[in-house]
PDB file of N, CA and C in Angstrom:
ATOM      1  N   UNK A   1       0.877  -0.891   0.149  1.00  0.00           N
ATOM      2  CA  UNK A   1      -0.162  -0.075   0.133  1.00  0.00           C
ATOM      3  C   UNK A   1       0.861   1.327  -0.130  1.00  0.00           C
ATOM      4  N   UNK A   2       0.745   2.221  -0.867  1.00  0.00           N
ATOM      5  CA  UNK A   2       1.511   3.346  -1.496  1.00  0.00           C
ATOM      6  C   UNK A   2       0.817   4.244  -0.010  1.00  0.00           C
ATOM      7  N   UNK A   3       1.602   5.595   0.016  1.00  0.00           N
ATOM      8  CA  UNK A   3       1.286   6.424   1.150  1.00  0.00           C
ATOM      9  C   UNK A   3      -0.257   7.382   0.983  1.00  0.00           C
ATOM     10  N   UNK A   4      -0.633   7.567  -0.545  1.00  0.00           N
ATOM     11  CA  UNK A   4      -1.682   7.592  -0.740  1.00  0.00           C
ATOM     12  C   UNK A   4      -2.988   6.628  -0.411  1.00  0.00           C
ATOM     13  N   UNK A   5      -2.691   5.707  -0.635  1.00  0.00           N
ATOM     14  CA  UNK A   5      -3.442   4.444  -0.083  1.00  0.00           C
ATOM     15  C   UNK A   5      -3.715   4.214   1.120  1.00  0.00           C
ATOM     16  N   UNK A   6      -2.986   4.752   2.014  1.00  0.00           N
ATOM     17  CA  UNK A   6      -3.036   4.699   3.417  1.00  0.00           C
ATOM     18  C   UNK A   6      -4.094   5.074   4.214  1.00  0.00           C
ATOM     19  N   UNK A   7      -4.763   6.165   4.089  1.00  0.00           N
ATOM     20  CA  UNK A   7      -5.817   6.511   4.538  1.00  0.00           C
ATOM     21  C   UNK A   7      -6.912   6.685   3.631  1.00  0.00           C
ATOM     22  N   UNK A   8      -7.178   5.686   2.558  1.00  0.00           N
ATOM     23  CA  UNK A   8      -8.210   5.785   1.676  1.00  0.00           C
ATOM     24  C   UNK A   8      -8.168   4.265   1.268  1.00  0.00           C
ATOM     25  N   UNK A   9      -8.377   3.282   2.526  1.00  0.00           N
ATOM     26  CA  UNK A   9      -8.365   2.248   2.099  1.00  0.00           C
ATOM     27  C   UNK A   9      -9.477   1.517   1.074  1.00  0.00           C
ATOM     28  N   UNK A  10      -8.849   1.059   0.202  1.00  0.00           N
ATOM     29  CA  UNK A  10     -10.136   0.352  -0.669  1.00  0.00           C
ATOM     30  C   UNK A  10     -10.475  -1.252  -0.947  1.00  0.00           C
ATOM     31  N   UNK A  11      -9.845  -1.865   0.241  1.00  0.00           N
ATOM     32  CA  UNK A  11     -10.204  -3.040   0.147  1.00  0.00           C
ATOM     33  C   UNK A  11     -10.040  -3.523   1.801  1.00  0.00           C
ATOM     34  N   UNK A  12     -10.463  -4.780   2.295  1.00  0.00           N
ATOM     35  CA  UNK A  12     -10.676  -5.214   3.662  1.00  0.00           C
ATOM     36  C   UNK A  12      -9.170  -5.292   3.925  1.00  0.00           C
ATOM     37  N   UNK A  13      -8.244  -5.792   3.458  1.00  0.00           N
ATOM     38  CA  UNK A  13      -7.104  -6.008   3.962  1.00  0.00           C
ATOM     39  C   UNK A  13      -6.203  -4.770   3.918  1.00  0.00           C
ATOM     40  N   UNK A  14      -6.375  -3.779   3.314  1.00  0.00           N
ATOM     41  CA  UNK A  14      -6.016  -2.343   3.620  1.00  0.00           C
ATOM     42  C   UNK A  14      -6.478  -1.859   4.792  1.00  0.00           C
ATOM     43  N   UNK A  15      -7.644  -1.617   4.909  1.00  0.00           N
ATOM     44  CA  UNK A  15      -8.399  -0.941   6.401  1.00  0.00           C
ATOM     45  C   UNK A  15      -7.970  -2.283   7.353  1.00  0.00           C
ATOM     46  N   UNK A  16      -7.718  -3.370   7.479  1.00  0.00           N
ATOM     47  CA  UNK A  16      -7.079  -4.199   8.330  1.00  0.00           C
ATOM     48  C   UNK A  16      -5.694  -3.673   8.856  1.00  0.00           C
ATOM     49  N   UNK A  17      -4.745  -3.738   7.625  1.00  0.00           N
ATOM     50  CA  UNK A  17      -3.491  -3.199   7.876  1.00  0.00           C
ATOM     51  C   UNK A  17      -3.300  -2.190   8.777  1.00  0.00           C
ATOM     52  N   UNK A  18      -4.031  -1.165   8.010  1.00  0.00           N
ATOM     53  CA  UNK A  18      -4.182   0.360   8.479  1.00  0.00           C
ATOM     54  C   UNK A  18      -4.538   0.440   9.761  1.00  0.00           C
ATOM     55  N   UNK A  19      -5.241  -0.217  10.575  1.00  0.00           N
ATOM     56  CA  UNK A  19      -5.641  -0.285  11.785  1.00  0.00           C
ATOM     57  C   UNK A  19      -4.827  -0.927  12.988  1.00  0.00           C
ATOM     58  N   UNK A  20      -4.434  -2.189  12.357  1.00  0.00           N
ATOM     59  CA  UNK A  20      -3.301  -2.949  13.246  1.00  0.00           C
ATOM     60  C   UNK A  20      -2.237  -2.256  13.430  1.00  0.00           C
ATOM     61  N   UNK A  21      -1.731  -1.437  12.212  1.00  0.00           N
ATOM     62  CA  UNK A  21      -0.222  -0.607  12.456  1.00  0.00           C
ATOM     63  C   UNK A  21      -0.612   0.288  13.191  1.00  0.00           C
ATOM     64  N   UNK A  22      -1.937   0.949  13.588  1.00  0.00           N
ATOM     65  CA  UNK A  22      -1.932   2.123  14.342  1.00  0.00           C
ATOM     66  C   UNK A  22      -2.134   1.421  16.002  1.00  0.00           C
ATOM     67  N   UNK A  23      -2.560   0.286  15.901  1.00  0.00           N
ATOM     68  CA  UNK A  23      -2.756  -0.255  17.196  1.00  0.00           C
ATOM     69  C   UNK A  23      -1.603  -0.328  18.269  1.00  0.00           C
ATOM     70  N   UNK A  24      -1.539   0.270  19.579  1.00  0.00           N
ATOM     71  CA  UNK A  24      -0.271  -0.089  20.003  1.00  0.00           C
ATOM     72  C   UNK A  24      -0.138  -1.687  20.441  1.00  0.00           C
ATOM     73  N   UNK A  25       1.012  -1.972  20.794  1.00  0.00           N
ATOM     74  CA  UNK A  25       1.188  -3.696  20.838  1.00  0.00           C
ATOM     75  C   UNK A  25       0.307  -4.244  21.888  1.00  0.00           C
ATOM     76  N   UNK A  26       0.489  -3.211  23.212  1.00  0.00           N
ATOM     77  CA  UNK A  26      -0.668  -4.381  24.144  1.00  0.00           C
ATOM     78  C   UNK A  26      -2.010  -4.117  23.974  1.00  0.00           C
ATOM     79  N   UNK A  27      -2.581  -3.490  22.712  1.00  0.00           N
ATOM     80  CA  UNK A  27      -3.528  -3.461  22.490  1.00  0.00           C
ATOM     81  C   UNK A  27      -3.911  -4.631  21.171  1.00  0.00           C
ATOM     82  N   UNK A  28      -2.849  -4.892  20.723  1.00  0.00           N
ATOM     83  CA  UNK A  28      -2.835  -5.930  19.628  1.00  0.00           C
ATOM     84  C   UNK A  28      -2.980  -7.357  20.539  1.00  0.00           C
ATOM     85  N   UNK A  29      -2.193  -7.286  21.463  1.00  0.00           N
ATOM     86  CA  UNK A  29      -2.123  -8.675  22.476  1.00  0.00           C
ATOM     87  C   UNK A  29      -3.181  -8.652  22.894  1.00  0.00           C
ATOM     88  N   UNK A  30      -4.235  -7.795  23.467  1.00  0.00           N
ATOM     89  CA  UNK A  30      -5.175  -8.149  24.453  1.00  0.00           C
ATOM     90  C   UNK A  30      -6.237  -8.610  23.550  1.00  0.00           C
ATOM     91  N   UNK A  31      -6.220  -7.551  22.146  1.00  0.00           N
ATOM     92  CA  UNK A  31      -7.330  -8.296  21.063  1.00  0.00           C
ATOM     93  C   UNK A  31      -7.121  -9.640  20.687  1.00  0.00           C
ATOM     94  N   UNK A  32      -6.093  -9.729  20.604  1.00  0.00           N
ATOM     95  CA  UNK A  32      -5.851 -11.347  19.867  1.00  0.00           C
ATOM     96  C   UNK A  32      -6.098 -12.497  21.242  1.00  0.00           C
ATOM     97  N   UNK A  33      -5.897 -12.352  22.114  1.00  0.00           N
ATOM     98  CA  UNK A  33      -6.401 -13.019  23.333  1.00  0.00           C
ATOM     99  C   UNK A  33      -7.684 -12.984  23.782  1.00  0.00           C
ATOM    100  N   UNK A  34      -8.785 -12.330  23.179  1.00  0.00           N
ATOM    101  CA  UNK A  34     -10.234 -12.318  23.263  1.00  0.00           C
ATOM    102  C   UNK A  34     -10.418 -13.621  22.766  1.00  0.00           C
ATOM    103  N   UNK A  35     -11.586 -14.334  23.453  1.00  0.00           N
ATOM    104  CA  UNK A  35     -12.613 -15.107  22.747  1.00  0.00           C
ATOM    105  C   UNK A  35     -13.488 -14.385  21.795  1.00  0.00           C
ATOM    106  N   UNK A  36     -14.081 -15.297  21.205  1.00  0.00           N
ATOM    107  CA  UNK A  36     -15.243 -14.897  20.205  1.00  0.00           C
ATOM    108  C   UNK A  36     -16.360 -13.945  20.997  1.00  0.00           C
ATOM    109  N   UNK A  37     -16.723 -14.446  21.915  1.00  0.00           N
ATOM    110  CA  UNK A  37     -17.800 -13.328  22.929  1.00  0.00           C
ATOM    111  C   UNK A  37     -16.943 -12.144  23.253  1.00  0.00           C
ATOM    112  N   UNK A  38     -15.803 -12.169  23.149  1.00  0.00           N
ATOM    113  CA  UNK A  38     -15.073 -10.617  23.281  1.00  0.00           C
ATOM    114  C   UNK A  38     -15.071  -9.830  22.647  1.00  0.00           C
ATOM    115  N   UNK A  39     -15.595 -10.281  21.239  1.00  0.00           N
ATOM    116  CA  UNK A  39     -15.631  -9.289  20.251  1.00  0.00           C
ATOM    117  C   UNK A  39     -16.605  -8.095  20.497  1.00  0.00           C
ATOM    118  N   UNK A  40     -17.565  -8.219  21.216  1.00  0.00           N
ATOM    119  CA  UNK A  40     -18.423  -7.053  21.617  1.00  0.00           C
ATOM    120  C   UNK A  40     -17.320  -5.846  22.160  1.00  0.00           C
ATOM    121  N   UNK A  41     -16.291  -6.403  22.946  1.00  0.00           N
ATOM    122  CA  UNK A  41     -15.516  -5.459  23.444  1.00  0.00           C
ATOM    123  C   UNK A  41     -14.706  -5.034  22.430  1.00  0.00           C
ATOM    124  N   UNK A  42     -14.491  -5.585  21.157  1.00  0.00           N
ATOM    125  CA  UNK A  42     -13.378  -5.084  20.378  1.00  0.00           C
ATOM    126  C   UNK A  42     -14.626  -4.048  19.497  1.00  0.00           C
ATOM    127  N   UNK A  43     -15.877  -4.478  19.176  1.00  0.00           N
ATOM    128  CA  UNK A  43     -16.718  -3.532  18.659  1.00  0.00           C
ATOM    129  C   UNK A  43     -16.681  -2.017  19.545  1.00  0.00           C
ATOM    130  N   UNK A  44     -16.859  -2.190  20.839  1.00  0.00           N
ATOM    131  CA  UNK A  44     -16.834  -0.924  21.468  1.00  0.00           C
ATOM    132  C   UNK A  44     -15.825  -0.091  21.186  1.00  0.00           C
ATOM    133  N   UNK A  45     -14.522  -0.997  21.298  1.00  0.00           N
ATOM    134  CA  UNK A  45     -13.304  -0.167  21.500  1.00  0.00           C
ATOM    135  C   UNK A  45     -12.772   0.303  19.660  1.00  0.00           C
ATOM    136  N   UNK A  46     -12.917  -0.461  18.792  1.00  0.00           N
ATOM    137  CA  UNK A  46     -12.217  -0.401  17.535  1.00  0.00           C
ATOM    138  C   UNK A  46     -13.247   0.384  16.876  1.00  0.00           C
ATOM    139  N   UNK A  47     -14.742   0.210  16.974  1.00  0.00           N
ATOM    140  CA  UNK A  47     -15.763   0.591  16.374  1.00  0.00           C
ATOM    141  C   UNK A  47     -15.800   1.748  15.996  1.00  0.00           C
ATOM    142  N   UNK A  48     -15.653   2.829  17.110  1.00  0.00           N
ATOM    143  CA  UNK A  48     -15.762   4.243  16.525  1.00  0.00           C
ATOM    144  C   UNK A  48     -14.808   4.604  15.702  1.00  0.00           C
ATOM    145  N   UNK A  49     -13.177   3.806  16.043  1.00  0.00           N
ATOM    146  CA  UNK A  49     -12.191   4.218  15.033  1.00  0.00           C
ATOM    147  C   UNK A  49     -12.566   3.973  13.652  1.00  0.00           C
ATOM    148  N   UNK A  50     -13.006   2.796  13.608  1.00  0.00           N
ATOM    149  CA  UNK A  50     -13.435   2.536  12.051  1.00  0.00           C
ATOM    150  C   UNK A  50     -14.252   3.156  11.372  1.00  0.00           C
ATOM    151  N   UNK A  51     -15.213   3.402  12.066  1.00  0.00           N
ATOM    152  CA  UNK A  51     -16.277   4.231  11.453  1.00  0.00           C
ATOM    153  C   UNK A  51     -15.663   5.796  11.303  1.00  0.00           C
ATOM    154  N   UNK A  52     -14.856   6.002  11.843  1.00  0.00           N
ATOM    155  CA  UNK A  52     -14.197   7.282  11.616  1.00  0.00           C
ATOM    156  C   UNK A  52     -13.219   7.191  10.402  1.00  0.00           C
ATOM    157  N   UNK A  53     -12.676   6.049  10.184  1.00  0.00           N
ATOM    158  CA  UNK A  53     -11.842   6.064   9.108  1.00  0.00           C
ATOM    159  C   UNK A  53     -12.941   6.024   7.664  1.00  0.00           C
ATOM    160  N   UNK A  54     -14.019   5.181   8.130  1.00  0.00           N
ATOM    161  CA  UNK A  54     -15.070   5.340   7.084  1.00  0.00           C
ATOM    162  C   UNK A  54     -15.449   6.222   6.590  1.00  0.00           C
ATOM    163  N   UNK A  55     -16.077   7.002   7.484  1.00  0.00           N
ATOM    164  CA  UNK A  55     -16.677   7.959   7.199  1.00  0.00           C
ATOM    165  C   UNK A  55     -16.071   9.317   6.678  1.00  0.00           C
ATOM    166  N   UNK A  56     -14.517   9.158   6.632  1.00  0.00           N
ATOM    167  CA  UNK A  56     -14.004  10.277   6.175  1.00  0.00           C
ATOM    168  C   UNK A  56     -13.573   9.970   4.825  1.00  0.00           C
ATOM    169  N   UNK A  57     -13.882   9.036   4.120  1.00  0.00           N
ATOM    170  CA  UNK A  57     -13.342   8.530   2.653  1.00  0.00           C
ATOM    171  C   UNK A  57     -14.395   8.995   1.638  1.00  0.00           C
ATOM    172  N   UNK A  58     -14.025   9.146   0.641  1.00  0.00           N
ATOM    173  CA  UNK A  58     -14.552   9.593  -0.622  1.00  0.00           C
ATOM    174  C   UNK A  58     -15.883   8.022  -0.741  1.00  0.00           C
ATOM    175  N   UNK A  59     -17.115   8.482  -1.569  1.00  0.00           N
ATOM    176  CA  UNK A  59     -17.931   7.846  -1.966  1.00  0.00           C
ATOM    177  C   UNK A  59     -17.408   6.614  -2.540  1.00  0.00           C
ATOM    178  N   UNK A  60     -16.463   6.886  -3.464  1.00  0.00           N
ATOM    179  CA  UNK A  60     -15.991   5.637  -4.393  1.00  0.00           C
ATOM    180  C   UNK A  60     -15.103   4.713  -3.568  1.00  0.00           C
ATOM    181  N   UNK A  61     -14.342   5.225  -2.661  1.00  0.00           N
ATOM    182  CA  UNK A  61     -13.566   4.576  -1.594  1.00  0.00           C
ATOM    183  C   UNK A  61     -14.413   3.675  -0.808  1.00  0.00           C
ATOM    184  N   UNK A  62     -15.514   4.204  -0.475  1.00  0.00           N
ATOM    185  CA  UNK A  62     -16.337   3.451   0.337  1.00  0.00           C
ATOM    186  C   UNK A  62     -17.276   2.288  -0.356  1.00  0.00           C
ATOM    187  N   UNK A  63     -17.576   2.604  -1.764  1.00  0.00           N
ATOM    188  CA  UNK A  63     -18.230   1.742  -2.268  1.00  0.00           C
ATOM    189  C   UNK A  63     -17.054   0.464  -2.774  1.00  0.00           C
ATOM    190  N   UNK A  64     -15.832   0.811  -3.047  1.00  0.00           N
ATOM    191  CA  UNK A  64     -14.800  -0.418  -3.395  1.00  0.00           C
ATOM    192  C   UNK A  64     -14.682  -0.962  -1.941  1.00  0.00           C
ATOM    193  N   UNK A  65     -14.605  -0.351  -0.892  1.00  0.00           N
ATOM    194  CA  UNK A  65     -14.482  -1.142   0.426  1.00  0.00           C
ATOM    195  C   UNK A  65     -15.699  -2.025   0.688  1.00  0.00           C
ATOM    196  N   UNK A  66     -16.792  -1.813   0.522  1.00  0.00           N
ATOM    197  CA  UNK A  66     -18.027  -2.152   0.631  1.00  0.00           C
ATOM    198  C   UNK A  66     -18.251  -3.743   0.028  1.00  0.00           C
ATOM    199  N   UNK A  67     -17.653  -3.018  -1.397  1.00  0.00           N
ATOM    200  CA  UNK A  67     -18.025  -4.348  -2.311  1.00  0.00           C
ATOM    201  C   UNK A  67     -16.813  -5.255  -2.039  1.00  0.00           C
ATOM    202  N   UNK A  68     -15.797  -5.281  -1.793  1.00  0.00           N
ATOM    203  CA  UNK A  68     -14.795  -5.904  -1.096  1.00  0.00           C
ATOM    204  C   UNK A  68     -15.188  -6.616   0.198  1.00  0.00           C
ATOM    205  N   UNK A  69     -15.841  -6.032   1.010  1.00  0.00           N
ATOM    206  CA  UNK A  69     -16.600  -6.518   2.222  1.00  0.00           C
ATOM    207  C   UNK A  69     -17.379  -7.812   1.827  1.00  0.00           C
ATOM    208  N   UNK A  70     -18.378  -7.496   0.723  1.00  0.00           N
ATOM    209  CA  UNK A  70     -19.587  -8.365   0.354  1.00  0.00           C
ATOM    210  C   UNK A  70     -18.442  -9.568  -0.444  1.00  0.00           C
ATOM    211  N   UNK A  71     -17.628  -9.194  -1.292  1.00  0.00           N
ATOM    212  CA  UNK A  71     -16.877 -10.125  -1.881  1.00  0.00           C
ATOM    213  C   UNK A  71     -16.292 -11.202  -0.917  1.00  0.00           C
ATOM    214  N   UNK A  72     -15.671 -10.753   0.107  1.00  0.00           N
ATOM    215  CA  UNK A  72     -14.940 -11.630   1.075  1.00  0.00           C
ATOM    216  C   UNK A  72     -15.811 -12.510   2.150  1.00  0.00           C
ATOM    217  N   UNK A  73     -16.705 -11.740   2.323  1.00  0.00           N
ATOM    218  CA  UNK A  73     -18.028 -12.531   3.423  1.00  0.00           C
ATOM    219  C   UNK A  73     -18.925 -13.243   2.674  1.00  0.00           C
ATOM    220  N   UNK A  74     -18.816 -13.185   1.404  1.00  0.00           N
ATOM    221  CA  UNK A  74     -19.872 -14.013   0.708  1.00  0.00           C
ATOM    222  C   UNK A  74     -21.495 -13.699   1.123  1.00  0.00           C
ATOM    223  N   UNK A  75     -21.662 -12.340   1.509  1.00  0.00           N
ATOM    224  CA  UNK A  75     -23.054 -11.823   2.057  1.00  0.00           C
ATOM    225  C   UNK A  75     -23.264 -11.185   1.093  1.00  0.00           C
ATOM    226  N   UNK A  76     -24.359 -11.027  -0.004  1.00  0.00           N
ATOM    227  CA  UNK A  76     -24.381 -10.160  -0.710  1.00  0.00           C
ATOM    228  C   UNK A  76     -25.159  -8.947  -0.180  1.00  0.00           C
ATOM    229  N   UNK A  77     -26.075  -9.410   0.876  1.00  0.00           N
ATOM    230  CA  UNK A  77     -27.038  -8.459   1.669  1.00  0.00           C
ATOM    231  C   UNK A  77     -26.156  -7.640   2.576  1.00  0.00           C
ATOM    232  N   UNK A  78     -24.762  -7.610   2.754  1.00  0.00           N
ATOM    233  CA  UNK A  78     -24.364  -7.020   3.880  1.00  0.00           C
ATOM    234  C   UNK A  78     -24.467  -5.519   4.069  1.00  0.00           C
ATOM    235  N   UNK A  79     -24.776  -4.986   4.918  1.00  0.00           N
ATOM    236  CA  UNK A  79     -25.143  -3.744   5.011  1.00  0.00           C
ATOM    237  C   UNK A  79     -24.077  -3.152   5.892  1.00  0.00           C
ATOM    238  N   UNK A  80     -23.575  -1.880   6.071  1.00  0.00           N
ATOM    239  CA  UNK A  80     -22.460  -0.846   6.432  1.00  0.00           C
ATOM    240  C   UNK A  80     -22.211  -1.403   8.022  1.00  0.00           C
ATOM    241  N   UNK A  81     -23.304  -1.915   8.937  1.00  0.00           N
ATOM    242  CA  UNK A  81     -23.005  -2.196  10.261  1.00  0.00           C
ATOM    243  C   UNK A  81     -22.135  -3.994  10.043  1.00  0.00           C
ATOM    244  N   UNK A  82     -22.739  -4.382   9.452  1.00  0.00           N
ATOM    245  CA  UNK A  82     -22.582  -6.064   9.106  1.00  0.00           C
ATOM    246  C   UNK A  82     -20.937  -6.028   8.724  1.00  0.00           C
ATOM    247  N   UNK A  83     -20.831  -4.757   7.488  1.00  0.00           N
ATOM    248  CA  UNK A  83     -19.554  -5.145   7.025  1.00  0.00           C
ATOM    249  C   UNK A  83     -18.327  -4.185   8.041  1.00  0.00           C
ATOM    250  N   UNK A  84     -18.959  -3.437   8.958  1.00  0.00           N
ATOM    251  CA  UNK A  84     -17.916  -2.843  10.125  1.00  0.00           C
ATOM    252  C   UNK A  84     -17.546  -4.225  11.306  1.00  0.00           C
ATOM    253  N   UNK A  85     -18.549  -4.829  11.376  1.00  0.00           N
ATOM    254  CA  UNK A  85     -18.463  -6.379  12.171  1.00  0.00           C
ATOM    255  C   UNK A  85     -17.392  -7.065  11.228  1.00  0.00           C
ATOM    256  N   UNK A  86     -17.367  -7.484  10.262  1.00  0.00           N
ATOM    257  CA  UNK A  86     -16.891  -8.474   9.595  1.00  0.00           C
ATOM    258  C   UNK A  86     -15.618  -7.660   9.685  1.00  0.00           C
ATOM    259  N   UNK A  87     -15.023  -6.528   9.319  1.00  0.00           N
ATOM    260  CA  UNK A  87     -13.841  -5.898   9.428  1.00  0.00           C
ATOM    261  C   UNK A  87     -13.119  -5.969  10.626  1.00  0.00           C
ATOM    262  N   UNK A  88     -13.855  -5.889  11.645  1.00  0.00           N
ATOM    263  CA  UNK A  88     -13.380  -6.353  13.009  1.00  0.00           C
ATOM    264  C   UNK A  88     -13.080  -7.537  13.319  1.00  0.00           C
ATOM    265  N   UNK A  89     -13.756  -8.398  12.693  1.00  0.00           N
ATOM    266  CA  UNK A  89     -13.332  -9.799  12.951  1.00  0.00           C
ATOM    267  C   UNK A  89     -12.451 -10.257  12.317  1.00  0.00           C
ATOM    268  N   UNK A  90     -12.230  -9.696  11.143  1.00  0.00           N
ATOM    269  CA  UNK A  90     -11.132  -9.876  10.288  1.00  0.00           C
ATOM    270  C   UNK A  90      -9.484  -9.440  11.118  1.00  0.00           C
ATOM    271  N   UNK A  91      -9.997  -8.407  11.816  1.00  0.00           N
ATOM    272  CA  UNK A  91      -8.435  -7.928  12.586  1.00  0.00           C
ATOM    273  C   UNK A  91      -8.285  -8.675  13.698  1.00  0.00           C
ATOM    274  N   UNK A  92      -9.365  -9.110  14.444  1.00  0.00           N
ATOM    275  CA  UNK A  92      -9.423 -10.106  15.437  1.00  0.00           C
ATOM    276  C   UNK A  92      -8.484 -11.563  15.099  1.00  0.00           C
ATOM    277  N   UNK A  93      -8.964 -12.055  13.827  1.00  0.00           N
ATOM    278  CA  UNK A  93      -8.292 -13.285  13.316  1.00  0.00           C
ATOM    279  C   UNK A  93      -7.037 -13.130  12.847  1.00  0.00           C
ATOM    280  N   UNK A  94      -6.736 -12.044  12.300  1.00  0.00           N
ATOM    281  CA  UNK A  94      -5.181 -11.818  11.923  1.00  0.00           C
ATOM    282  C   UNK A  94      -4.251 -11.447  12.992  1.00  0.00           C
ATOM    283  N   UNK A  95      -4.766 -10.866  14.343  1.00  0.00           N
ATOM    284  CA  UNK A  95      -4.193 -10.629  15.579  1.00  0.00           C
ATOM    285  C   UNK A  95      -3.967 -12.135  16.148  1.00  0.00           C
ATOM    286  N   UNK A  96      -4.884 -13.134  16.064  1.00  0.00           N
ATOM    287  CA  UNK A  96      -4.975 -14.237  16.799  1.00  0.00           C
ATOM    288  C   UNK A  96      -3.570 -14.819  16.148  1.00  0.00           C
ATOM    289  N   UNK A  97      -3.666 -14.951  14.546  1.00  0.00           N
ATOM    290  CA  UNK A  97      -2.362 -15.630  14.195  1.00  0.00           C
ATOM    291  C   UNK A  97      -1.203 -15.091  14.169  1.00  0.00           C
ATOM    292  N   UNK A  98      -0.954 -13.357  15.017  1.00  0.00           N
ATOM    293  CA  UNK A  98       0.240 -12.688  15.034  1.00  0.00           C
ATOM    294  C   UNK A  98       0.548 -12.385  16.517  1.00  0.00           C
ATOM    295  N   UNK A  99      -0.143 -12.143  17.105  1.00  0.00           N
ATOM    296  CA  UNK A  99       0.004 -11.687  18.346  1.00  0.00           C
ATOM    297  C   UNK A  99      -0.681 -12.484  19.589  1.00  0.00           C
ATOM    298  N   UNK A 100      -1.220 -13.623  19.829  1.00  0.00           N
ATOM    299  CA  UNK A 100      -1.488 -14.512  20.328  1.00  0.00           C
ATOM    300  C   UNK A 100      -0.223 -14.910  21.616  1.00  0.00           C
ATOM    301  N   UNK A 101      -0.835 -14.742  23.073  1.00  0.00           N
ATOM    302  CA  UNK A 101      -0.007 -15.214  23.835  1.00  0.00           C
ATOM    303  C   UNK A 101       0.400 -16.838  23.768  1.00  0.00           C
ATOM    304  N   UNK A 102       1.392 -17.522  24.140  1.00  0.00           N
ATOM    305  CA  UNK A 102       1.310 -18.599  24.285  1.00  0.00           C
ATOM    306  C   UNK A 102       2.303 -19.257  25.347  1.00  0.00           C
ATOM    307  N   UNK A 103       1.873 -20.063  26.001  1.00  0.00           N
ATOM    308  CA  UNK A 103       2.554 -20.680  27.333  1.00  0.00           C
ATOM    309  C   UNK A 103       3.861 -21.311  26.742  1.00  0.00           C
ATOM    310  N   UNK A 104       4.676 -20.802  27.209  1.00  0.00           N
ATOM    311  CA  UNK A 104       6.165 -21.477  27.443  1.00  0.00           C
ATOM    312  C   UNK A 104       6.952 -22.445  28.259  1.00  0.00           C
ATOM    313  N   UNK A 105       6.883 -23.411  27.885  1.00  0.00           N
ATOM    314  CA  UNK A 105       7.566 -24.453  29.227  1.00  0.00           C
ATOM    315  C   UNK A 105       8.890 -24.529  29.022  1.00  0.00           C
TER     316      UNK A 105
END
């Protein structure tokens, strides 16, 4: 992603990467270690930030992002709230792969 795309995420991957890169390490680890029920906490914490990013985009960027959410989720009836939840779940999934605490013996 080049600098001009950094704050104009057109895809789920771009917005997920942007949000993760802006999260402090302790928030990344905390998010990675939430269980699926803890996603409500993620919605409360990152939801505002995500909506701020989305609302400040041009209409075409939002259309592209929404189209990518629909494509990746496989849900053609996805609305904006469901798209935001899908993006948050993608953030959580990616962080679970990279920042989850593991017991070392």
